Amino acid sequence: MIKKILLFATAATITTACFSQRGMLDNALGVRVGLGSGVTYQHFFSDRNVFEGIAYQRFGGVNVTALYEIHQQMFDIRGLKWYLGAGGHAWLYNKNSVLNEMRMIENSYALGVDGILGMAFYLRSYPLQFSVDWKPGFNLKGSNYIEWDAGAMSVRYRF
């Protein structure tokens, strides 16, 4: 079930990317590696305003997150930016998931809010982007888990 959800999220992200292009390098698609690993998609409305969608697996469950981010130049280094943002998430757990060192007894879900703080480096000669971030999340409905340790590194192809 979890693999099907990740496959669906990946297909939806790629489809959205194909139909939402408005110019050169307005989209980025890549992998996210951390305590939870998955895929990440970004759409740049401008150099500053960015939508990011993340789908990843952790605790035996699947998380889908949508974020609005603001990117700013960092120092005077060309291609280096810092960003912050906020959004929401949905967790889907199966009965074999482990959360807070406790095994879930039934399939469940959780909804909550997220923040994100990170920095990204954009290569000038290749359409690649490297980033590292910290993305804490707080569940408002479902489990009462606070995910303070959700940091990750991402590599994205920009198109």
C-alpha atoms as a PDB file:
ATOM      1  CA  MET A   1       0.000   0.000   0.000  1.00  0.00           C
ATOM      2  CA  ILE A   2       2.768   2.442   0.939  1.00  0.00           C
ATOM      3  CA  LYS A   3       4.641   1.733  -2.291  1.00  0.00           C
ATOM      4  CA  LYS A   4       1.460   2.385  -4.273  1.00  0.00           C
ATOM      5  CA  ILE A   5       0.972   5.732  -2.517  1.00  0.00           C
ATOM      6  CA  LEU A   6       4.589   6.769  -3.176  1.00  0.00           C
ATOM      7  CA  LEU A   7       4.253   5.700  -6.819  1.00  0.00           C
ATOM      8  CA  PHE A   8       1.022   7.713  -7.141  1.00  0.00           C
ATOM      9  CA  ALA A   9       2.629  10.779  -5.505  1.00  0.00           C
ATOM     10  CA  THR A  10       5.617  10.533  -7.856  1.00  0.00           C
ATOM     11  CA  ALA A  11       3.385  10.179 -10.933  1.00  0.00           C
ATOM     12  CA  ALA A  12       1.226  13.122  -9.822  1.00  0.00           C
ATOM     13  CA  THR A  13       4.310  15.259  -9.271  1.00  0.00           C
ATOM     14  CA  ILE A  14       5.744  14.466 -12.701  1.00  0.00           C
ATOM     15  CA  THR A  15       2.385  15.099 -14.382  1.00  0.00           C
ATOM     16  CA  THR A  16       2.032  18.443 -12.598  1.00  0.00           C
ATOM     17  CA  ALA A  17       5.571  19.375 -13.594  1.00  0.00           C
ATOM     18  CA  CYS A  18       4.910  18.611 -17.253  1.00  0.00           C
ATOM     19  CA  PHE A  19       1.764  20.746 -17.433  1.00  0.00           C
ATOM     20  CA  SER A  20       2.767  23.633 -15.190  1.00  0.00           C
ATOM     21  CA  GLN A  21       5.828  24.916 -17.011  1.00  0.00           C
ATOM     22  CA  ARG A  22       5.721  28.586 -17.854  1.00  0.00           C
ATOM     23  CA  GLY A  23       9.387  29.162 -18.623  1.00  0.00           C
ATOM     24  CA  MET A  24      12.920  27.893 -18.362  1.00  0.00           C
ATOM     25  CA  LEU A  25      13.959  26.249 -15.070  1.00  0.00           C
ATOM     26  CA  ASP A  26      10.666  26.968 -13.299  1.00  0.00           C
ATOM     27  CA  ASN A  27      10.422  23.445 -11.867  1.00  0.00           C
ATOM     28  CA  ALA A  28      12.681  21.094  -9.945  1.00  0.00           C
ATOM     29  CA  LEU A  29      12.235  17.384  -9.263  1.00  0.00           C
ATOM     30  CA  GLY A  30      14.505  15.256  -7.133  1.00  0.00           C
ATOM     31  CA  VAL A  31      15.198  12.979  -4.204  1.00  0.00           C
ATOM     32  CA  ARG A  32      15.155  13.809  -0.512  1.00  0.00           C
ATOM     33  CA  VAL A  33      17.341  11.819   1.884  1.00  0.00           C
ATOM     34  CA  GLY A  34      17.215  12.066   5.667  1.00  0.00           C
ATOM     35  CA  LEU A  35      15.523  10.210   8.494  1.00  0.00           C
ATOM     36  CA  GLY A  36      12.642   9.869   6.043  1.00  0.00           C
ATOM     37  CA  SER A  37      13.494   9.497   2.351  1.00  0.00           C
ATOM     38  CA  GLY A  38      11.360  10.237  -0.682  1.00  0.00           C
ATOM     39  CA  VAL A  39      10.764  12.628  -3.562  1.00  0.00           C
ATOM     40  CA  THR A  40      10.522  16.402  -3.745  1.00  0.00           C
ATOM     41  CA  TYR A  41       9.053  18.753  -6.363  1.00  0.00           C
ATOM     42  CA  GLN A  42       9.364  22.546  -6.511  1.00  0.00           C
ATOM     43  CA  HIS A  43       7.585  25.075  -8.702  1.00  0.00           C
ATOM     44  CA  PHE A  44       9.097  28.567  -8.840  1.00  0.00           C
ATOM     45  CA  PHE A  45       6.466  31.279  -9.258  1.00  0.00           C
ATOM     46  CA  SER A  46       9.369  33.760  -9.185  1.00  0.00           C
ATOM     47  CA  ASP A  47      12.964  33.747  -7.939  1.00  0.00           C
ATOM     48  CA  ARG A  48      11.521  34.301  -4.464  1.00  0.00           C
ATOM     49  CA  ASN A  49       8.179  32.502  -4.232  1.00  0.00           C
ATOM     50  CA  VAL A  50       8.215  28.708  -4.398  1.00  0.00           C
ATOM     51  CA  PHE A  51       5.731  25.871  -3.903  1.00  0.00           C
ATOM     52  CA  GLU A  52       7.250  22.593  -2.685  1.00  0.00           C
ATOM     53  CA  GLY A  53       5.610  19.185  -2.534  1.00  0.00           C
ATOM     54  CA  ILE A  54       7.306  16.377  -0.611  1.00  0.00           C
ATOM     55  CA  ALA A  55       6.352  12.707  -0.331  1.00  0.00           C
ATOM     56  CA  TYR A  56       8.419  10.464   1.907  1.00  0.00           C
ATOM     57  CA  GLN A  57       8.318   7.341   4.025  1.00  0.00           C
ATOM     58  CA  ARG A  58       9.166   7.140   7.730  1.00  0.00           C
ATOM     59  CA  PHE A  59       7.995   5.156  10.787  1.00  0.00           C
ATOM     60  CA  GLY A  60       6.457   2.646   8.371  1.00  0.00           C
ATOM     61  CA  GLY A  61       4.039   5.363   7.230  1.00  0.00           C
ATOM     62  CA  VAL A  62       3.841   7.786   4.308  1.00  0.00           C
ATOM     63  CA  ASN A  63       3.922  11.590   4.607  1.00  0.00           C
ATOM     64  CA  VAL A  64       2.732  14.021   1.927  1.00  0.00           C
ATOM     65  CA  THR A  65       3.618  17.674   2.581  1.00  0.00           C
ATOM     66  CA  ALA A  66       2.797  20.910   0.719  1.00  0.00           C
ATOM     67  CA  LEU A  67       4.821  24.050   1.538  1.00  0.00           C
ATOM     68  CA  TYR A  68       4.948  27.690   0.447  1.00  0.00           C
ATOM     69  CA  GLU A  69       8.520  29.000   0.656  1.00  0.00           C
ATOM     70  CA  ILE A  70      10.313  32.324   0.310  1.00  0.00           C
ATOM     71  CA  HIS A  71      13.861  32.110  -1.071  1.00  0.00           C
ATOM     72  CA  GLN A  72      16.445  34.873  -0.504  1.00  0.00           C
ATOM     73  CA  GLN A  73      20.023  35.448  -1.615  1.00  0.00           C
ATOM     74  CA  MET A  74      22.527  34.282   1.015  1.00  0.00           C
ATOM     75  CA  PHE A  75      25.607  36.450   1.503  1.00  0.00           C
ATOM     76  CA  ASP A  76      27.039  37.571  -1.852  1.00  0.00           C
ATOM     77  CA  ILE A  77      27.615  34.082  -3.192  1.00  0.00           C
ATOM     78  CA  ARG A  78      26.002  33.559  -6.575  1.00  0.00           C
ATOM     79  CA  GLY A  79      23.652  30.558  -6.527  1.00  0.00           C
ATOM     80  CA  LEU A  80      23.461  30.271  -2.725  1.00  0.00           C
ATOM     81  CA  LYS A  81      20.063  31.006  -1.178  1.00  0.00           C
ATOM     82  CA  TRP A  82      18.371  30.476   2.160  1.00  0.00           C
ATOM     83  CA  TYR A  83      14.667  29.844   2.488  1.00  0.00           C
ATOM     84  CA  LEU A  84      11.851  29.523   4.965  1.00  0.00           C
ATOM     85  CA  GLY A  85       8.264  28.511   4.637  1.00  0.00           C
ATOM     86  CA  ALA A  86       5.171  26.882   6.067  1.00  0.00           C
ATOM     87  CA  GLY A  87       2.494  24.448   5.016  1.00  0.00           C
ATOM     88  CA  GLY A  88       0.661  21.299   5.971  1.00  0.00           C
ATOM     89  CA  HIS A  89       1.008  17.551   5.872  1.00  0.00           C
ATOM     90  CA  ALA A  90      -0.917  14.283   5.944  1.00  0.00           C
ATOM     91  CA  TRP A  91       0.452  11.054   7.429  1.00  0.00           C
ATOM     92  CA  LEU A  92      -0.922   7.637   6.488  1.00  0.00           C
ATOM     93  CA  TYR A  93       0.013   4.834   8.886  1.00  0.00           C
ATOM     94  CA  ASN A  94      -0.655   1.135   8.564  1.00  0.00           C
ATOM     95  CA  LYS A  95      -1.038  -1.232  11.482  1.00  0.00           C
ATOM     96  CA  ASN A  96       2.648  -2.231  11.256  1.00  0.00           C
ATOM     97  CA  SER A  97       3.916   1.346  11.669  1.00  0.00           C
ATOM     98  CA  VAL A  98       5.997   2.230  14.724  1.00  0.00           C
ATOM     99  CA  LEU A  99       5.465   5.707  16.204  1.00  0.00           C
ATOM    100  CA  ASN A 100       6.889   6.913  19.524  1.00  0.00           C
ATOM    101  CA  GLU A 101       8.295   3.404  20.070  1.00  0.00           C
ATOM    102  CA  MET A 102       4.754   2.000  20.005  1.00  0.00           C
ATOM    103  CA  ARG A 103       3.366  -0.237  17.262  1.00  0.00           C
ATOM    104  CA  MET A 104       0.134   1.039  15.749  1.00  0.00           C
ATOM    105  CA  ILE A 105      -2.805  -1.312  16.327  1.00  0.00           C
ATOM    106  CA  GLU A 106      -4.812  -0.209  13.308  1.00  0.00           C
ATOM    107  CA  ASN A 107      -4.518   1.804  10.114  1.00  0.00           C
ATOM    108  CA  SER A 108      -4.704   5.528  10.864  1.00  0.00           C
ATOM    109  CA  TYR A 109      -3.861   9.003   9.640  1.00  0.00           C
ATOM    110  CA  ALA A 110      -2.693  12.334  11.004  1.00  0.00           C
ATOM    111  CA  LEU A 111      -2.992  15.906   9.704  1.00  0.00           C
ATOM    112  CA  GLY A 112      -0.798  18.790  10.767  1.00  0.00           C
ATOM    113  CA  VAL A 113       1.291  21.856  10.064  1.00  0.00           C
ATOM    114  CA  ASP A 114       4.935  22.172   9.010  1.00  0.00           C
ATOM    115  CA  GLY A 115       7.641  24.788   8.895  1.00  0.00           C
ATOM    116  CA  ILE A 116      10.832  24.657   6.869  1.00  0.00           C
ATOM    117  CA  LEU A 117      14.197  26.424   7.090  1.00  0.00           C
ATOM    118  CA  GLY A 118      17.067  25.626   4.764  1.00  0.00           C
ATOM    119  CA  MET A 119      19.644  26.663   2.234  1.00  0.00           C
ATOM    120  CA  ALA A 120      20.090  25.725  -1.402  1.00  0.00           C
ATOM    121  CA  PHE A 121      22.890  25.965  -3.934  1.00  0.00           C
ATOM    122  CA  TYR A 122      22.091  26.250  -7.639  1.00  0.00           C
ATOM    123  CA  LEU A 123      24.770  25.236 -10.129  1.00  0.00           C
ATOM    124  CA  ARG A 124      25.217  27.720 -12.950  1.00  0.00           C
ATOM    125  CA  SER A 125      26.537  25.371 -15.619  1.00  0.00           C
ATOM    126  CA  TYR A 126      24.153  22.449 -14.967  1.00  0.00           C
ATOM    127  CA  PRO A 127      20.448  22.492 -14.052  1.00  0.00           C
ATOM    128  CA  LEU A 128      21.079  20.968 -10.612  1.00  0.00           C
ATOM    129  CA  GLN A 129      20.144  22.204  -7.156  1.00  0.00           C
ATOM    130  CA  PHE A 130      21.484  20.916  -3.817  1.00  0.00           C
ATOM    131  CA  SER A 131      19.770  21.772  -0.556  1.00  0.00           C
ATOM    132  CA  VAL A 132      19.740  20.970   3.138  1.00  0.00           C
ATOM    133  CA  ASP A 133      16.820  21.816   5.419  1.00  0.00           C
ATOM    134  CA  TRP A 134      15.101  21.339   8.752  1.00  0.00           C
ATOM    135  CA  LYS A 135      11.354  20.675   8.512  1.00  0.00           C
ATOM    136  CA  PRO A 136       9.608  20.340  11.887  1.00  0.00           C
ATOM    137  CA  GLY A 137       5.990  19.192  11.867  1.00  0.00           C
ATOM    138  CA  PHE A 138       3.204  19.115  14.425  1.00  0.00           C
ATOM    139  CA  ASN A 139       0.158  16.861  14.101  1.00  0.00           C
ATOM    140  CA  LEU A 140      -3.157  18.598  14.840  1.00  0.00           C
ATOM    141  CA  LYS A 141      -5.475  15.649  14.167  1.00  0.00           C
ATOM    142  CA  GLY A 142      -4.724  11.996  14.659  1.00  0.00           C
ATOM    143  CA  SER A 143      -1.547  11.130  16.531  1.00  0.00           C
ATOM    144  CA  ASN A 144      -0.103  13.846  18.783  1.00  0.00           C
ATOM    145  CA  TYR A 145       3.454  13.372  17.538  1.00  0.00           C
ATOM    146  CA  ILE A 146       5.792  16.364  17.061  1.00  0.00           C
ATOM    147  CA  GLU A 147       8.423  15.673  14.407  1.00  0.00           C
ATOM    148  CA  TRP A 148      11.336  17.951  15.377  1.00  0.00           C
ATOM    149  CA  ASP A 149      14.027  15.883  13.673  1.00  0.00           C
ATOM    150  CA  ALA A 150      12.795  15.952  10.070  1.00  0.00           C
ATOM    151  CA  GLY A 151      15.876  17.376   8.377  1.00  0.00           C
ATOM    152  CA  ALA A 152      17.078  16.211   4.982  1.00  0.00           C
ATOM    153  CA  MET A 153      19.358  16.777   2.032  1.00  0.00           C
ATOM    154  CA  SER A 154      17.879  17.049  -1.455  1.00  0.00           C
ATOM    155  CA  VAL A 155      19.242  16.923  -4.984  1.00  0.00           C
ATOM    156  CA  ARG A 156      16.927  18.258  -7.695  1.00  0.00           C
ATOM    157  CA  TYR A 157      17.025  18.506 -11.466  1.00  0.00           C
ATOM    158  CA  ARG A 158      15.699  21.876 -12.632  1.00  0.00           C
ATOM    159  CA  PHE A 159      13.728  22.146 -15.844  1.00  0.00           C
END
